């Protein structure tokens, strides 16, 4: 649905986005992740025509964003949850946005109900909490009943119930055939509903793969407790499996619990306990982006 081709943006001597290319598939939720200063916001602004790339282009089903006849009916975006006049009510804000895009007024009430703000329809946006502004901003993105949702940190300010609602809503949107591209710093939350990830750092693309493929990068560690450690170490070494022996406890890299237990069973080695640990998605992403992080804690 979305094709990003070699987009580049430079501000003075600083290259914010450097020759970035990736695709975002329809019917899936794609997470957009990377450290602060990675170029995520600049990339998303270029994807909706708010920033002009120095080189490259972004297309939606083969059409450039600026060439879309009714962009609001194709792409719904939220790049800043504060994009509303504080003196307007939620309904008036949405009606004004609808008028600009040639969308019927009735959609204001419909999308307010869709995001759970119908009881706050006549409240001024300036009195909204950050979580309520996030919902109102999403309502604005939904006005044109778009095929694509492009959201920058949409869970920021939401309470746990709101985050769960957002997760379920975006998953349902994708299951109906929609395209969801969402940036987030909440990796553990994103891992619960994203299908694919686009990982960036230092303005460059570092990975564009399914969540499962990225998780598979994290090598598992098998821990075995046995009264026959020397024998098991010898057998594992024969299969070129690295082992760190700590008394009767062995820490094994590059093998599965099944493989280790099978070797032990075949050679009548008693195993008291066997378990496996693996890196979390957050840890794997930190490994991927570590070298490109602009701000690193001591």
C-alpha atoms as a PDB file:
ATOM      1  CA  UNK A   1       0.000   0.000   0.000  1.00  0.00           C
ATOM      2  CA  UNK A   2       2.812   2.438   0.898  1.00  0.00           C
ATOM      3  CA  UNK A   3       6.128   2.526  -0.930  1.00  0.00           C
ATOM      4  CA  UNK A   4       8.886   4.746   0.439  1.00  0.00           C
ATOM      5  CA  UNK A   5      11.685   5.042  -2.112  1.00  0.00           C
ATOM      6  CA  UNK A   6      15.135   6.488  -1.317  1.00  0.00           C
ATOM      7  CA  UNK A   7      13.834   9.532   0.557  1.00  0.00           C
ATOM      8  CA  UNK A   8      16.519  11.882   1.843  1.00  0.00           C
ATOM      9  CA  UNK A   9      16.260  15.101   3.857  1.00  0.00           C
ATOM     10  CA  UNK A  10      19.139  17.314   4.935  1.00  0.00           C
ATOM     11  CA  UNK A  11      19.037  20.379   7.197  1.00  0.00           C
ATOM     12  CA  UNK A  12      22.265  22.301   6.764  1.00  0.00           C
ATOM     13  CA  UNK A  13      25.066  19.823   7.392  1.00  0.00           C
ATOM     14  CA  UNK A  14      22.822  17.388   9.244  1.00  0.00           C
ATOM     15  CA  UNK A  15      21.241  14.540   7.303  1.00  0.00           C
ATOM     16  CA  UNK A  16      17.962  13.800   9.079  1.00  0.00           C
ATOM     17  CA  UNK A  17      16.884  11.010   6.704  1.00  0.00           C
ATOM     18  CA  UNK A  18      19.424   9.243   4.531  1.00  0.00           C
ATOM     19  CA  UNK A  19      18.299   7.321   1.419  1.00  0.00           C
ATOM     20  CA  UNK A  20      15.520   5.463   3.239  1.00  0.00           C
ATOM     21  CA  UNK A  21      13.526   2.787   1.396  1.00  0.00           C
ATOM     22  CA  UNK A  22      10.843   0.457   2.752  1.00  0.00           C
ATOM     23  CA  UNK A  23       7.306  -0.768   2.120  1.00  0.00           C
ATOM     24  CA  UNK A  24       4.249  -0.860   4.379  1.00  0.00           C
ATOM     25  CA  UNK A  25       1.822  -3.661   3.563  1.00  0.00           C
ATOM     26  CA  UNK A  26      -1.955  -3.406   3.570  1.00  0.00           C
ATOM     27  CA  UNK A  27      -3.859  -5.496   6.085  1.00  0.00           C
ATOM     28  CA  UNK A  28      -1.017  -5.295   8.625  1.00  0.00           C
ATOM     29  CA  UNK A  29       0.127  -3.114  11.501  1.00  0.00           C
ATOM     30  CA  UNK A  30       3.661  -1.833  10.921  1.00  0.00           C
ATOM     31  CA  UNK A  31       5.560  -0.334  13.837  1.00  0.00           C
ATOM     32  CA  UNK A  32       8.074   2.449  13.222  1.00  0.00           C
ATOM     33  CA  UNK A  33      10.804   2.443  15.861  1.00  0.00           C
ATOM     34  CA  UNK A  34      14.175   3.962  16.599  1.00  0.00           C
ATOM     35  CA  UNK A  35      15.930   6.149  19.190  1.00  0.00           C
ATOM     36  CA  UNK A  36      15.395   9.891  19.570  1.00  0.00           C
ATOM     37  CA  UNK A  37      16.877  11.728  16.609  1.00  0.00           C
ATOM     38  CA  UNK A  38      16.596   8.671  14.360  1.00  0.00           C
ATOM     39  CA  UNK A  39      14.570  10.543  11.718  1.00  0.00           C
ATOM     40  CA  UNK A  40      11.130   9.067  12.458  1.00  0.00           C
ATOM     41  CA  UNK A  41       9.191  12.337  12.649  1.00  0.00           C
ATOM     42  CA  UNK A  42      10.888  13.775   9.557  1.00  0.00           C
ATOM     43  CA  UNK A  43      10.122  10.588   7.641  1.00  0.00           C
ATOM     44  CA  UNK A  44       6.456  10.665   8.640  1.00  0.00           C
ATOM     45  CA  UNK A  45       6.167  14.326   7.696  1.00  0.00           C
ATOM     46  CA  UNK A  46       7.564  13.532   4.250  1.00  0.00           C
ATOM     47  CA  UNK A  47       5.053  10.685   3.932  1.00  0.00           C
ATOM     48  CA  UNK A  48       2.141  13.153   4.122  1.00  0.00           C
ATOM     49  CA  UNK A  49       3.628  16.071   2.207  1.00  0.00           C
ATOM     50  CA  UNK A  50       4.365  18.330   5.203  1.00  0.00           C
ATOM     51  CA  UNK A  51       8.096  18.200   4.460  1.00  0.00           C
ATOM     52  CA  UNK A  52       9.498  18.012   0.950  1.00  0.00           C
ATOM     53  CA  UNK A  53      12.241  15.384   0.530  1.00  0.00           C
ATOM     54  CA  UNK A  54      15.478  16.480  -1.122  1.00  0.00           C
ATOM     55  CA  UNK A  55      15.397  13.201  -3.050  1.00  0.00           C
ATOM     56  CA  UNK A  56      13.116  10.206  -3.302  1.00  0.00           C
ATOM     57  CA  UNK A  57       9.355   9.820  -3.123  1.00  0.00           C
ATOM     58  CA  UNK A  58       6.466   8.221  -1.264  1.00  0.00           C
ATOM     59  CA  UNK A  59       3.567   6.562  -3.080  1.00  0.00           C
ATOM     60  CA  UNK A  60       0.215   5.166  -1.968  1.00  0.00           C
ATOM     61  CA  UNK A  61      -0.864   2.399  -4.319  1.00  0.00           C
ATOM     62  CA  UNK A  62       1.482   3.930  -6.870  1.00  0.00           C
ATOM     63  CA  UNK A  63       0.255   7.515  -6.428  1.00  0.00           C
ATOM     64  CA  UNK A  64       2.259  10.311  -4.807  1.00  0.00           C
ATOM     65  CA  UNK A  65       0.575  11.868  -1.769  1.00  0.00           C
ATOM     66  CA  UNK A  66       0.358  15.314  -3.404  1.00  0.00           C
ATOM     67  CA  UNK A  67      -1.332  13.741  -6.433  1.00  0.00           C
ATOM     68  CA  UNK A  68      -4.094  12.032  -4.443  1.00  0.00           C
ATOM     69  CA  UNK A  69      -7.452  13.530  -5.435  1.00  0.00           C
ATOM     70  CA  UNK A  70      -8.887  13.239  -1.908  1.00  0.00           C
ATOM     71  CA  UNK A  71      -5.939  12.616   0.435  1.00  0.00           C
ATOM     72  CA  UNK A  72      -8.127  12.708   3.568  1.00  0.00           C
ATOM     73  CA  UNK A  73     -10.142   9.787   2.218  1.00  0.00           C
ATOM     74  CA  UNK A  74      -6.982   7.757   1.565  1.00  0.00           C
ATOM     75  CA  UNK A  75      -4.635   8.669   4.418  1.00  0.00           C
ATOM     76  CA  UNK A  76      -5.609   9.619   7.958  1.00  0.00           C
ATOM     77  CA  UNK A  77      -2.656  10.971   9.910  1.00  0.00           C
ATOM     78  CA  UNK A  78      -1.862  12.187  13.411  1.00  0.00           C
ATOM     79  CA  UNK A  79       1.593  13.683  13.789  1.00  0.00           C
ATOM     80  CA  UNK A  80       0.782  15.996  16.708  1.00  0.00           C
ATOM     81  CA  UNK A  81      -2.017  15.386  19.215  1.00  0.00           C
ATOM     82  CA  UNK A  82      -2.112  19.143  19.955  1.00  0.00           C
ATOM     83  CA  UNK A  83      -3.292  20.013  16.433  1.00  0.00           C
ATOM     84  CA  UNK A  84      -6.557  21.617  17.532  1.00  0.00           C
ATOM     85  CA  UNK A  85      -7.771  25.055  18.623  1.00  0.00           C
ATOM     86  CA  UNK A  86      -8.176  25.019  22.417  1.00  0.00           C
ATOM     87  CA  UNK A  87     -11.254  27.243  22.256  1.00  0.00           C
ATOM     88  CA  UNK A  88     -13.225  24.940  19.935  1.00  0.00           C
ATOM     89  CA  UNK A  89     -15.391  22.099  21.091  1.00  0.00           C
ATOM     90  CA  UNK A  90     -14.549  18.598  19.919  1.00  0.00           C
ATOM     91  CA  UNK A  91     -17.496  18.667  17.526  1.00  0.00           C
ATOM     92  CA  UNK A  92     -16.619  22.073  16.075  1.00  0.00           C
ATOM     93  CA  UNK A  93     -12.984  21.043  15.598  1.00  0.00           C
ATOM     94  CA  UNK A  94     -14.030  17.984  13.622  1.00  0.00           C
ATOM     95  CA  UNK A  95     -16.672  19.834  11.598  1.00  0.00           C
ATOM     96  CA  UNK A  96     -14.087  22.427  10.575  1.00  0.00           C
ATOM     97  CA  UNK A  97     -11.681  19.689   9.501  1.00  0.00           C
ATOM     98  CA  UNK A  98     -14.479  17.922   7.629  1.00  0.00           C
ATOM     99  CA  UNK A  99     -15.409  21.106   5.759  1.00  0.00           C
ATOM    100  CA  UNK A 100     -11.820  21.582   4.568  1.00  0.00           C
ATOM    101  CA  UNK A 101     -11.796  18.063   3.111  1.00  0.00           C
ATOM    102  CA  UNK A 102     -15.324  18.141   1.694  1.00  0.00           C
ATOM    103  CA  UNK A 103     -16.564  15.536   4.189  1.00  0.00           C
ATOM    104  CA  UNK A 104     -20.180  15.619   5.496  1.00  0.00           C
ATOM    105  CA  UNK A 105     -20.701  17.145   8.968  1.00  0.00           C
ATOM    106  CA  UNK A 106     -22.338  13.975  10.261  1.00  0.00           C
ATOM    107  CA  UNK A 107     -18.946  12.266  10.266  1.00  0.00           C
ATOM    108  CA  UNK A 108     -17.951  14.432  13.262  1.00  0.00           C
ATOM    109  CA  UNK A 109     -20.499  12.750  15.518  1.00  0.00           C
ATOM    110  CA  UNK A 110     -19.760   9.321  14.048  1.00  0.00           C
ATOM    111  CA  UNK A 111     -16.017   9.416  14.672  1.00  0.00           C
ATOM    112  CA  UNK A 112     -16.446  10.919  18.147  1.00  0.00           C
ATOM    113  CA  UNK A 113     -18.506   7.869  19.046  1.00  0.00           C
ATOM    114  CA  UNK A 114     -15.941   5.618  17.375  1.00  0.00           C
ATOM    115  CA  UNK A 115     -13.131   6.885  19.611  1.00  0.00           C
ATOM    116  CA  UNK A 116     -15.268   7.025  22.771  1.00  0.00           C
ATOM    117  CA  UNK A 117     -15.590  10.823  23.073  1.00  0.00           C
ATOM    118  CA  UNK A 118     -19.314  11.267  22.426  1.00  0.00           C
ATOM    119  CA  UNK A 119     -19.913  12.460  26.010  1.00  0.00           C
ATOM    120  CA  UNK A 120     -17.232  15.140  25.571  1.00  0.00           C
ATOM    121  CA  UNK A 121     -18.509  16.356  22.185  1.00  0.00           C
ATOM    122  CA  UNK A 122     -19.400  19.848  23.485  1.00  0.00           C
ATOM    123  CA  UNK A 123     -16.339  20.335  25.690  1.00  0.00           C
ATOM    124  CA  UNK A 124     -13.598  22.710  24.600  1.00  0.00           C
ATOM    125  CA  UNK A 125     -10.427  20.949  23.474  1.00  0.00           C
ATOM    126  CA  UNK A 126      -8.313  23.188  25.697  1.00  0.00           C
ATOM    127  CA  UNK A 127      -9.754  21.388  28.735  1.00  0.00           C
ATOM    128  CA  UNK A 128      -8.948  17.918  27.405  1.00  0.00           C
ATOM    129  CA  UNK A 129      -6.327  15.715  28.988  1.00  0.00           C
ATOM    130  CA  UNK A 130      -3.507  14.486  26.763  1.00  0.00           C
ATOM    131  CA  UNK A 131      -5.263  11.132  26.425  1.00  0.00           C
ATOM    132  CA  UNK A 132      -8.504  12.832  25.323  1.00  0.00           C
ATOM    133  CA  UNK A 133      -6.594  14.950  22.810  1.00  0.00           C
ATOM    134  CA  UNK A 134      -5.058  11.763  21.431  1.00  0.00           C
ATOM    135  CA  UNK A 135      -8.541  10.337  20.894  1.00  0.00           C
ATOM    136  CA  UNK A 136      -9.762  13.573  19.303  1.00  0.00           C
ATOM    137  CA  UNK A 137      -6.755  13.667  16.980  1.00  0.00           C
ATOM    138  CA  UNK A 138      -7.460  10.063  15.945  1.00  0.00           C
ATOM    139  CA  UNK A 139     -11.102  11.008  15.328  1.00  0.00           C
ATOM    140  CA  UNK A 140      -9.853  13.692  12.954  1.00  0.00           C
ATOM    141  CA  UNK A 141      -7.755  11.135  11.106  1.00  0.00           C
ATOM    142  CA  UNK A 142     -10.810   8.904  10.720  1.00  0.00           C
ATOM    143  CA  UNK A 143     -13.092  11.590   9.277  1.00  0.00           C
ATOM    144  CA  UNK A 144     -12.555  10.550   5.665  1.00  0.00           C
ATOM    145  CA  UNK A 145     -12.905   6.825   6.415  1.00  0.00           C
ATOM    146  CA  UNK A 146      -9.333   6.353   5.110  1.00  0.00           C
ATOM    147  CA  UNK A 147      -7.575   3.202   3.949  1.00  0.00           C
ATOM    148  CA  UNK A 148      -4.334   4.185   5.737  1.00  0.00           C
ATOM    149  CA  UNK A 149      -3.617   5.372   9.276  1.00  0.00           C
ATOM    150  CA  UNK A 150      -0.302   7.102   9.874  1.00  0.00           C
ATOM    151  CA  UNK A 151       0.134   7.776  13.606  1.00  0.00           C
ATOM    152  CA  UNK A 152       3.050   9.253  15.547  1.00  0.00           C
ATOM    153  CA  UNK A 153       3.119   8.090  19.204  1.00  0.00           C
ATOM    154  CA  UNK A 154      -0.692   7.692  19.457  1.00  0.00           C
ATOM    155  CA  UNK A 155      -0.538   5.953  22.865  1.00  0.00           C
ATOM    156  CA  UNK A 156       1.254   8.866  24.539  1.00  0.00           C
ATOM    157  CA  UNK A 157      -0.915  10.057  27.440  1.00  0.00           C
ATOM    158  CA  UNK A 158      -3.389   7.177  27.312  1.00  0.00           C
ATOM    159  CA  UNK A 159      -4.167   5.223  30.472  1.00  0.00           C
ATOM    160  CA  UNK A 160      -3.865   1.386  30.435  1.00  0.00           C
ATOM    161  CA  UNK A 161      -7.485   0.969  29.361  1.00  0.00           C
ATOM    162  CA  UNK A 162      -6.983   3.527  26.580  1.00  0.00           C
ATOM    163  CA  UNK A 163      -3.834   1.779  25.373  1.00  0.00           C
ATOM    164  CA  UNK A 164      -5.677  -1.535  25.227  1.00  0.00           C
ATOM    165  CA  UNK A 165      -8.539   0.122  23.334  1.00  0.00           C
ATOM    166  CA  UNK A 166      -6.096   1.664  20.842  1.00  0.00           C
ATOM    167  CA  UNK A 167      -4.301  -1.644  20.347  1.00  0.00           C
ATOM    168  CA  UNK A 168      -7.564  -3.456  19.626  1.00  0.00           C
ATOM    169  CA  UNK A 169      -8.816  -0.664  17.362  1.00  0.00           C
ATOM    170  CA  UNK A 170      -5.681  -0.585  15.200  1.00  0.00           C
ATOM    171  CA  UNK A 171      -5.574  -4.378  14.969  1.00  0.00           C
ATOM    172  CA  UNK A 172      -9.224  -4.432  13.874  1.00  0.00           C
ATOM    173  CA  UNK A 173      -8.581  -1.668  11.322  1.00  0.00           C
ATOM    174  CA  UNK A 174      -5.791  -3.737   9.768  1.00  0.00           C
ATOM    175  CA  UNK A 175      -7.846  -6.936   9.834  1.00  0.00           C
ATOM    176  CA  UNK A 176     -10.481  -5.142   7.747  1.00  0.00           C
ATOM    177  CA  UNK A 177      -7.809  -4.536   5.099  1.00  0.00           C
ATOM    178  CA  UNK A 178      -6.514  -1.177   6.287  1.00  0.00           C
ATOM    179  CA  UNK A 179      -2.874  -0.142   6.475  1.00  0.00           C
ATOM    180  CA  UNK A 180      -1.502   0.999   9.833  1.00  0.00           C
ATOM    181  CA  UNK A 181       1.891   2.692  10.228  1.00  0.00           C
ATOM    182  CA  UNK A 182       2.518   3.680  13.847  1.00  0.00           C
ATOM    183  CA  UNK A 183       5.555   4.980  15.685  1.00  0.00           C
ATOM    184  CA  UNK A 184       5.994   4.227  19.372  1.00  0.00           C
ATOM    185  CA  UNK A 185       8.587   4.161  22.141  1.00  0.00           C
ATOM    186  CA  UNK A 186       6.522   1.541  24.013  1.00  0.00           C
ATOM    187  CA  UNK A 187       8.200  -1.500  22.463  1.00  0.00           C
ATOM    188  CA  UNK A 188       6.584  -4.053  24.772  1.00  0.00           C
ATOM    189  CA  UNK A 189       3.173  -2.639  23.888  1.00  0.00           C
ATOM    190  CA  UNK A 190       3.936  -2.490  20.164  1.00  0.00           C
ATOM    191  CA  UNK A 191       5.078  -6.123  20.261  1.00  0.00           C
ATOM    192  CA  UNK A 192       1.566  -7.140  21.323  1.00  0.00           C
ATOM    193  CA  UNK A 193      -0.134  -6.080  18.093  1.00  0.00           C
ATOM    194  CA  UNK A 194       2.387  -5.104  15.389  1.00  0.00           C
ATOM    195  CA  UNK A 195       2.934  -7.508  12.491  1.00  0.00           C
ATOM    196  CA  UNK A 196       6.000  -5.809  10.990  1.00  0.00           C
ATOM    197  CA  UNK A 197       8.660  -3.349  12.136  1.00  0.00           C
ATOM    198  CA  UNK A 198      10.615  -0.655  10.349  1.00  0.00           C
ATOM    199  CA  UNK A 199      13.690   0.122  12.466  1.00  0.00           C
ATOM    200  CA  UNK A 200      15.715   3.289  11.893  1.00  0.00           C
ATOM    201  CA  UNK A 201      18.732   4.932  13.482  1.00  0.00           C
ATOM    202  CA  UNK A 202      20.840   7.927  12.566  1.00  0.00           C
ATOM    203  CA  UNK A 203      18.497   8.654   9.669  1.00  0.00           C
ATOM    204  CA  UNK A 204      19.174   5.272   8.076  1.00  0.00           C
ATOM    205  CA  UNK A 205      17.049   2.174   7.663  1.00  0.00           C
ATOM    206  CA  UNK A 206      18.390  -0.601   9.921  1.00  0.00           C
ATOM    207  CA  UNK A 207      15.716  -3.268   9.435  1.00  0.00           C
ATOM    208  CA  UNK A 208      12.343  -3.796   7.776  1.00  0.00           C
ATOM    209  CA  UNK A 209      11.070  -7.229   8.732  1.00  0.00           C
ATOM    210  CA  UNK A 210       8.236  -9.033  10.430  1.00  0.00           C
ATOM    211  CA  UNK A 211       8.201  -8.935  14.232  1.00  0.00           C
ATOM    212  CA  UNK A 212       8.742 -12.701  14.274  1.00  0.00           C
ATOM    213  CA  UNK A 213      11.845 -12.386  12.088  1.00  0.00           C
ATOM    214  CA  UNK A 214      13.344  -9.712  14.317  1.00  0.00           C
ATOM    215  CA  UNK A 215      12.604 -11.709  17.476  1.00  0.00           C
ATOM    216  CA  UNK A 216      14.340 -14.676  15.858  1.00  0.00           C
ATOM    217  CA  UNK A 217      17.544 -12.600  15.807  1.00  0.00           C
ATOM    218  CA  UNK A 218      17.725 -12.911  19.584  1.00  0.00           C
ATOM    219  CA  UNK A 219      19.800 -15.998  20.336  1.00  0.00           C
ATOM    220  CA  UNK A 220      18.363 -18.115  23.155  1.00  0.00           C
ATOM    221  CA  UNK A 221      20.365 -19.315  26.145  1.00  0.00           C
ATOM    222  CA  UNK A 222      19.786 -22.808  27.551  1.00  0.00           C
ATOM    223  CA  UNK A 223      20.607 -23.411  31.204  1.00  0.00           C
ATOM    224  CA  UNK A 224      21.106 -27.003  32.366  1.00  0.00           C
ATOM    225  CA  UNK A 225      21.718 -28.401  35.833  1.00  0.00           C
ATOM    226  CA  UNK A 226      23.233 -31.892  35.844  1.00  0.00           C
ATOM    227  CA  UNK A 227      25.359 -34.042  38.185  1.00  0.00           C
ATOM    228  CA  UNK A 228      27.409 -35.014  35.097  1.00  0.00           C
ATOM    229  CA  UNK A 229      28.521 -31.619  33.756  1.00  0.00           C
ATOM    230  CA  UNK A 230      31.904 -32.701  32.353  1.00  0.00           C
ATOM    231  CA  UNK A 231      30.340 -35.465  30.250  1.00  0.00           C
ATOM    232  CA  UNK A 232      27.653 -33.180  28.842  1.00  0.00           C
ATOM    233  CA  UNK A 233      30.216 -30.447  28.096  1.00  0.00           C
ATOM    234  CA  UNK A 234      32.326 -32.948  26.147  1.00  0.00           C
ATOM    235  CA  UNK A 235      29.333 -34.115  24.093  1.00  0.00           C
ATOM    236  CA  UNK A 236      28.158 -30.581  23.330  1.00  0.00           C
ATOM    237  CA  UNK A 237      31.677 -29.498  22.353  1.00  0.00           C
ATOM    238  CA  UNK A 238      31.784 -32.385  19.876  1.00  0.00           C
ATOM    239  CA  UNK A 239      28.754 -30.756  18.180  1.00  0.00           C
ATOM    240  CA  UNK A 240      30.511 -27.336  18.252  1.00  0.00           C
ATOM    241  CA  UNK A 241      28.070 -25.976  20.840  1.00  0.00           C
ATOM    242  CA  UNK A 242      29.543 -23.318  23.158  1.00  0.00           C
ATOM    243  CA  UNK A 243      29.177 -24.030  26.869  1.00  0.00           C
ATOM    244  CA  UNK A 244      30.051 -22.000  29.957  1.00  0.00           C
ATOM    245  CA  UNK A 245      30.403 -24.476  32.854  1.00  0.00           C
ATOM    246  CA  UNK A 246      29.611 -23.164  36.330  1.00  0.00           C
ATOM    247  CA  UNK A 247      29.860 -26.204  38.559  1.00  0.00           C
ATOM    248  CA  UNK A 248      26.886 -28.472  37.899  1.00  0.00           C
ATOM    249  CA  UNK A 249      25.188 -25.643  35.989  1.00  0.00           C
ATOM    250  CA  UNK A 250      25.848 -25.199  32.274  1.00  0.00           C
ATOM    251  CA  UNK A 251      25.039 -22.068  30.273  1.00  0.00           C
ATOM    252  CA  UNK A 252      24.696 -23.000  26.602  1.00  0.00           C
ATOM    253  CA  UNK A 253      24.508 -20.668  23.591  1.00  0.00           C
ATOM    254  CA  UNK A 254      23.344 -21.528  20.084  1.00  0.00           C
ATOM    255  CA  UNK A 255      21.194 -24.554  20.930  1.00  0.00           C
ATOM    256  CA  UNK A 256      17.595 -25.325  21.792  1.00  0.00           C
ATOM    257  CA  UNK A 257      16.321 -27.073  24.907  1.00  0.00           C
ATOM    258  CA  UNK A 258      15.144 -29.922  22.677  1.00  0.00           C
ATOM    259  CA  UNK A 259      18.589 -30.426  21.143  1.00  0.00           C
ATOM    260  CA  UNK A 260      20.375 -30.340  24.512  1.00  0.00           C
ATOM    261  CA  UNK A 261      17.904 -32.622  26.250  1.00  0.00           C
ATOM    262  CA  UNK A 262      18.066 -35.081  23.339  1.00  0.00           C
ATOM    263  CA  UNK A 263      21.865 -35.275  23.590  1.00  0.00           C
ATOM    264  CA  UNK A 264      21.609 -35.831  27.340  1.00  0.00           C
ATOM    265  CA  UNK A 265      18.913 -38.497  26.941  1.00  0.00           C
ATOM    266  CA  UNK A 266      20.777 -40.362  24.188  1.00  0.00           C
ATOM    267  CA  UNK A 267      23.887 -40.554  26.378  1.00  0.00           C
ATOM    268  CA  UNK A 268      22.108 -41.371  29.650  1.00  0.00           C
ATOM    269  CA  UNK A 269      23.101 -38.125  31.313  1.00  0.00           C
ATOM    270  CA  UNK A 270      20.815 -37.147  34.148  1.00  0.00           C
ATOM    271  CA  UNK A 271      19.317 -33.655  33.868  1.00  0.00           C
ATOM    272  CA  UNK A 272      17.980 -32.124  37.062  1.00  0.00           C
ATOM    273  CA  UNK A 273      16.676 -28.949  35.435  1.00  0.00           C
ATOM    274  CA  UNK A 274      16.650 -27.376  31.981  1.00  0.00           C
ATOM    275  CA  UNK A 275      15.289 -23.997  30.923  1.00  0.00           C
ATOM    276  CA  UNK A 276      15.732 -21.420  28.183  1.00  0.00           C
ATOM    277  CA  UNK A 277      15.814 -17.637  28.132  1.00  0.00           C
ATOM    278  CA  UNK A 278      15.855 -15.306  25.162  1.00  0.00           C
ATOM    279  CA  UNK A 279      16.198 -11.591  24.586  1.00  0.00           C
ATOM    280  CA  UNK A 280      13.077  -9.474  24.603  1.00  0.00           C
ATOM    281  CA  UNK A 281      12.111  -7.527  21.491  1.00  0.00           C
ATOM    282  CA  UNK A 282      13.184  -4.362  23.294  1.00  0.00           C
ATOM    283  CA  UNK A 283      16.652  -5.797  23.962  1.00  0.00           C
ATOM    284  CA  UNK A 284      17.021  -6.917  20.343  1.00  0.00           C
ATOM    285  CA  UNK A 285      16.023  -3.483  19.050  1.00  0.00           C
ATOM    286  CA  UNK A 286      18.499  -1.830  21.419  1.00  0.00           C
ATOM    287  CA  UNK A 287      21.205  -4.072  19.965  1.00  0.00           C
ATOM    288  CA  UNK A 288      20.166  -3.090  16.415  1.00  0.00           C
ATOM    289  CA  UNK A 289      20.015   0.658  17.102  1.00  0.00           C
ATOM    290  CA  UNK A 290      22.744   0.938  19.746  1.00  0.00           C
ATOM    291  CA  UNK A 291      25.497   2.129  17.427  1.00  0.00           C
ATOM    292  CA  UNK A 292      23.279   4.835  15.916  1.00  0.00           C
ATOM    293  CA  UNK A 293      21.747   6.256  19.126  1.00  0.00           C
ATOM    294  CA  UNK A 294      22.270  10.026  19.358  1.00  0.00           C
ATOM    295  CA  UNK A 295      21.841  10.164  23.143  1.00  0.00           C
ATOM    296  CA  UNK A 296      23.312   7.321  25.226  1.00  0.00           C
ATOM    297  CA  UNK A 297      23.137   7.062  29.009  1.00  0.00           C
ATOM    298  CA  UNK A 298      26.270   6.311  30.971  1.00  0.00           C
END
